Amino acid sequence: MTDVLLFQTDDNGEMEIEGGRVTLSPGLDTAAYLSLFGGNWKDDGSQNNRQTWWGNLDEAEPSKRYRSETQFLLGTIPAIPRNLRRIEDAATRDLQWLLDESIASSLTVSASLIGLNRVKIEIVIRAEGDESQFSYTENWRAST
């Protein structure tokens, strides 16, 4: 599977165009990024939330809907150490579809505060015997 490579920047996601061509990725880069940050930031992940990303409205399979609970929590809960576990749990739920669809055999998530209102989320996904590592540094936008 090849996707447009989306990567994180200081002001959210970006794609690269070189020589008039969009850079592609054969890996899980884009799937992981969109799972964490691709939904509507107002969507808390609850079943009947009407603030879901518009692309979910026409998707019949729940496992193919972007909920991005991680993105929601970074904008709504205080940036304090005890909330790191909530971020890790949300990221794990956002990525769970990779396990459910047998795309990955395992995944681990860890989160750490790396500065004032800055969080680093590190993810390891094992798929087909290969290990992919992703690291996202995000502004924690909620106030304490």
C-alpha atoms as a PDB file:
ATOM      1  CA  MET A   1       0.000   0.000   0.000  1.00  0.00           C
ATOM      2  CA  THR A   2       1.344   3.435  -0.913  1.00  0.00           C
ATOM      3  CA  ASP A   3       0.005   6.676   0.547  1.00  0.00           C
ATOM      4  CA  VAL A   4       0.809  10.344   0.230  1.00  0.00           C
ATOM      5  CA  LEU A   5       3.456  10.963   2.888  1.00  0.00           C
ATOM      6  CA  LEU A   6       2.013  13.252   5.553  1.00  0.00           C
ATOM      7  CA  PHE A   7       4.425  14.413   8.210  1.00  0.00           C
ATOM      8  CA  GLN A   8       4.263  16.589  11.267  1.00  0.00           C
ATOM      9  CA  THR A   9       5.357  20.211  11.340  1.00  0.00           C
ATOM     10  CA  ASP A  10       5.096  22.919  13.999  1.00  0.00           C
ATOM     11  CA  ASP A  11       1.714  23.945  12.609  1.00  0.00           C
ATOM     12  CA  ASN A  12       0.212  20.486  12.022  1.00  0.00           C
ATOM     13  CA  GLY A  13       0.574  18.143   9.047  1.00  0.00           C
ATOM     14  CA  GLU A  14       2.240  18.751   5.727  1.00  0.00           C
ATOM     15  CA  MET A  15       3.041  16.913   2.540  1.00  0.00           C
ATOM     16  CA  GLU A  16       6.111  17.301   0.367  1.00  0.00           C
ATOM     17  CA  ILE A  17       6.134  18.047  -3.332  1.00  0.00           C
ATOM     18  CA  GLU A  18       9.400  17.671  -5.234  1.00  0.00           C
ATOM     19  CA  GLY A  19       9.696  18.252  -8.946  1.00  0.00           C
ATOM     20  CA  GLY A  20       5.934  18.611  -9.214  1.00  0.00           C
ATOM     21  CA  ARG A  21       5.330  15.178  -7.653  1.00  0.00           C
ATOM     22  CA  VAL A  22       3.874  14.399  -4.264  1.00  0.00           C
ATOM     23  CA  THR A  23       6.194  12.299  -2.088  1.00  0.00           C
ATOM     24  CA  LEU A  24       4.722   8.858  -1.397  1.00  0.00           C
ATOM     25  CA  SER A  25       5.348   6.387   1.412  1.00  0.00           C
ATOM     26  CA  PRO A  26       4.968   2.611   1.342  1.00  0.00           C
ATOM     27  CA  GLY A  27       4.919   2.485   5.160  1.00  0.00           C
ATOM     28  CA  LEU A  28       2.494   3.233   7.961  1.00  0.00           C
ATOM     29  CA  ASP A  29       3.591   6.878   8.355  1.00  0.00           C
ATOM     30  CA  THR A  30       0.413   8.446   7.018  1.00  0.00           C
ATOM     31  CA  ALA A  31      -1.915   5.908   8.629  1.00  0.00           C
ATOM     32  CA  ALA A  32      -0.375   6.572  12.052  1.00  0.00           C
ATOM     33  CA  TYR A  33      -0.396  10.353  11.606  1.00  0.00           C
ATOM     34  CA  LEU A  34      -4.022  10.501  10.443  1.00  0.00           C
ATOM     35  CA  SER A  35      -5.125   8.129  13.195  1.00  0.00           C
ATOM     36  CA  LEU A  36      -3.799  10.509  15.847  1.00  0.00           C
ATOM     37  CA  PHE A  37      -4.381  13.890  14.221  1.00  0.00           C
ATOM     38  CA  GLY A  38      -6.711  13.377  11.251  1.00  0.00           C
ATOM     39  CA  GLY A  39     -10.145  13.769  12.744  1.00  0.00           C
ATOM     40  CA  ASN A  40     -12.047  16.764  14.014  1.00  0.00           C
ATOM     41  CA  TRP A  41     -10.348  18.233  17.086  1.00  0.00           C
ATOM     42  CA  LYS A  42     -13.809  18.682  18.655  1.00  0.00           C
ATOM     43  CA  ASP A  43     -14.532  14.939  18.432  1.00  0.00           C
ATOM     44  CA  ASP A  44     -14.074  13.302  21.837  1.00  0.00           C
ATOM     45  CA  GLY A  45     -14.407   9.811  20.372  1.00  0.00           C
ATOM     46  CA  SER A  46     -17.759   9.071  21.974  1.00  0.00           C
ATOM     47  CA  GLN A  47     -20.201   7.039  19.899  1.00  0.00           C
ATOM     48  CA  ASN A  48     -22.874   9.693  19.280  1.00  0.00           C
ATOM     49  CA  ASN A  49     -20.696  12.800  19.043  1.00  0.00           C
ATOM     50  CA  ARG A  50     -21.974  14.936  16.183  1.00  0.00           C
ATOM     51  CA  GLN A  51     -18.613  16.744  15.976  1.00  0.00           C
ATOM     52  CA  THR A  52     -17.055  13.836  14.093  1.00  0.00           C
ATOM     53  CA  TRP A  53     -14.876  14.455  11.044  1.00  0.00           C
ATOM     54  CA  TRP A  54     -17.070  14.909   7.953  1.00  0.00           C
ATOM     55  CA  GLY A  55     -15.481  11.922   6.181  1.00  0.00           C
ATOM     56  CA  ASN A  56     -16.871   9.623   8.885  1.00  0.00           C
ATOM     57  CA  LEU A  57     -20.478  10.459   8.035  1.00  0.00           C
ATOM     58  CA  ASP A  58     -20.496   8.173   5.007  1.00  0.00           C
ATOM     59  CA  GLU A  59     -18.285   5.398   6.440  1.00  0.00           C
ATOM     60  CA  ALA A  60     -20.235   2.278   7.414  1.00  0.00           C
ATOM     61  CA  GLU A  61     -17.332   0.433   9.073  1.00  0.00           C
ATOM     62  CA  PRO A  62     -16.463   1.875  12.512  1.00  0.00           C
ATOM     63  CA  SER A  63     -12.846   0.684  12.211  1.00  0.00           C
ATOM     64  CA  LYS A  64     -12.356   2.963   9.193  1.00  0.00           C
ATOM     65  CA  ARG A  65     -13.536   6.163  10.899  1.00  0.00           C
ATOM     66  CA  TYR A  66     -11.023   8.750  12.055  1.00  0.00           C
ATOM     67  CA  ARG A  67     -11.781   9.765  15.645  1.00  0.00           C
ATOM     68  CA  SER A  68      -8.407  11.192  16.745  1.00  0.00           C
ATOM     69  CA  GLU A  69      -9.086  11.139  20.466  1.00  0.00           C
ATOM     70  CA  THR A  70      -5.414  12.021  20.979  1.00  0.00           C
ATOM     71  CA  GLN A  71      -5.882  15.304  19.147  1.00  0.00           C
ATOM     72  CA  PHE A  72      -9.025  16.042  21.175  1.00  0.00           C
ATOM     73  CA  LEU A  73      -7.320  15.444  24.536  1.00  0.00           C
ATOM     74  CA  LEU A  74      -4.330  17.629  23.663  1.00  0.00           C
ATOM     75  CA  GLY A  75      -6.780  20.489  23.281  1.00  0.00           C
ATOM     76  CA  THR A  76      -8.955  19.831  26.316  1.00  0.00           C
ATOM     77  CA  ILE A  77      -7.039  18.404  29.295  1.00  0.00           C
ATOM     78  CA  PRO A  78      -4.250  20.133  31.246  1.00  0.00           C
ATOM     79  CA  ALA A  79      -0.620  19.502  30.327  1.00  0.00           C
ATOM     80  CA  ILE A  80       0.345  17.803  33.576  1.00  0.00           C
ATOM     81  CA  PRO A  81       2.255  14.555  34.141  1.00  0.00           C
ATOM     82  CA  ARG A  82      -0.735  12.559  35.361  1.00  0.00           C
ATOM     83  CA  ASN A  83      -2.508  13.154  32.019  1.00  0.00           C
ATOM     84  CA  LEU A  84       0.290  11.533  30.019  1.00  0.00           C
ATOM     85  CA  ARG A  85      -1.310   8.131  30.628  1.00  0.00           C
ATOM     86  CA  ARG A  86      -4.582   9.443  29.167  1.00  0.00           C
ATOM     87  CA  ILE A  87      -2.708  10.586  26.055  1.00  0.00           C
ATOM     88  CA  GLU A  88      -1.008   7.180  25.741  1.00  0.00           C
ATOM     89  CA  ASP A  89      -4.334   5.366  26.139  1.00  0.00           C
ATOM     90  CA  ALA A  90      -6.031   7.635  23.577  1.00  0.00           C
ATOM     91  CA  ALA A  91      -3.219   7.117  21.060  1.00  0.00           C
ATOM     92  CA  THR A  92      -3.456   3.360  21.574  1.00  0.00           C
ATOM     93  CA  ARG A  93      -7.213   3.483  20.915  1.00  0.00           C
ATOM     94  CA  ASP A  94      -6.680   5.679  17.833  1.00  0.00           C
ATOM     95  CA  LEU A  95      -4.237   3.101  16.453  1.00  0.00           C
ATOM     96  CA  GLN A  96      -6.186   0.012  17.549  1.00  0.00           C
ATOM     97  CA  TRP A  97      -7.645  -0.439  14.066  1.00  0.00           C
ATOM     98  CA  LEU A  98      -4.176  -1.462  12.846  1.00  0.00           C
ATOM     99  CA  LEU A  99      -4.386  -4.489  15.158  1.00  0.00           C
ATOM    100  CA  ASP A 100      -8.078  -5.137  14.499  1.00  0.00           C
ATOM    101  CA  GLU A 101      -7.496  -5.218  10.742  1.00  0.00           C
ATOM    102  CA  SER A 102      -4.366  -7.412  11.160  1.00  0.00           C
ATOM    103  CA  ILE A 103      -2.175  -4.734   9.599  1.00  0.00           C
ATOM    104  CA  ALA A 104       0.043  -4.714  12.697  1.00  0.00           C
ATOM    105  CA  SER A 105       0.868  -7.449  15.179  1.00  0.00           C
ATOM    106  CA  SER A 106       1.762  -5.116  18.055  1.00  0.00           C
ATOM    107  CA  LEU A 107       2.032  -1.471  18.985  1.00  0.00           C
ATOM    108  CA  THR A 108       3.392   0.486  21.906  1.00  0.00           C
ATOM    109  CA  VAL A 109       2.854   4.121  22.782  1.00  0.00           C
ATOM    110  CA  SER A 110       4.679   6.362  25.236  1.00  0.00           C
ATOM    111  CA  ALA A 111       4.203  10.046  25.958  1.00  0.00           C
ATOM    112  CA  SER A 112       6.439  12.506  27.779  1.00  0.00           C
ATOM    113  CA  LEU A 113       6.422  16.200  28.567  1.00  0.00           C
ATOM    114  CA  ILE A 114       9.427  17.776  26.859  1.00  0.00           C
ATOM    115  CA  GLY A 115       8.809  21.413  27.686  1.00  0.00           C
ATOM    116  CA  LEU A 116       6.135  23.838  28.730  1.00  0.00           C
ATOM    117  CA  ASN A 117       2.933  22.680  27.000  1.00  0.00           C
ATOM    118  CA  ARG A 118       4.907  20.343  24.702  1.00  0.00           C
ATOM    119  CA  VAL A 119       4.375  16.608  24.527  1.00  0.00           C
ATOM    120  CA  LYS A 120       6.314  13.958  22.656  1.00  0.00           C
ATOM    121  CA  ILE A 121       4.393  10.868  21.594  1.00  0.00           C
ATOM    122  CA  GLU A 122       6.508   7.901  20.547  1.00  0.00           C
ATOM    123  CA  ILE A 123       4.977   4.928  18.778  1.00  0.00           C
ATOM    124  CA  VAL A 124       6.402   1.569  17.779  1.00  0.00           C
ATOM    125  CA  ILE A 125       4.368  -0.552  15.363  1.00  0.00           C
ATOM    126  CA  ARG A 126       5.373  -4.080  14.408  1.00  0.00           C
ATOM    127  CA  ALA A 127       3.890  -5.198  11.099  1.00  0.00           C
ATOM    128  CA  GLU A 128       4.875  -8.186   8.983  1.00  0.00           C
ATOM    129  CA  GLY A 129       8.045  -8.648  11.021  1.00  0.00           C
ATOM    130  CA  ASP A 130       9.213  -5.069  10.500  1.00  0.00           C
ATOM    131  CA  GLU A 131       9.278  -2.424  13.189  1.00  0.00           C
ATOM    132  CA  SER A 132       8.278   1.168  12.414  1.00  0.00           C
ATOM    133  CA  GLN A 133       8.960   3.973  14.871  1.00  0.00           C
ATOM    134  CA  PHE A 134       7.166   7.296  14.833  1.00  0.00           C
ATOM    135  CA  SER A 135       7.717  10.331  17.015  1.00  0.00           C
ATOM    136  CA  TYR A 136       5.384  13.308  17.193  1.00  0.00           C
ATOM    137  CA  THR A 137       6.070  16.498  19.113  1.00  0.00           C
ATOM    138  CA  GLU A 138       2.892  18.468  19.655  1.00  0.00           C
ATOM    139  CA  ASN A 139       1.762  21.608  21.388  1.00  0.00           C
ATOM    140  CA  TRP A 140      -0.495  20.718  24.295  1.00  0.00           C
ATOM    141  CA  ARG A 141      -3.075  23.403  23.667  1.00  0.00           C
ATOM    142  CA  ALA A 142      -5.280  23.022  26.755  1.00  0.00           C
ATOM    143  CA  SER A 143      -4.597  25.338  29.663  1.00  0.00           C
ATOM    144  CA  THR A 144      -3.765  24.050  33.130  1.00  0.00           C
END
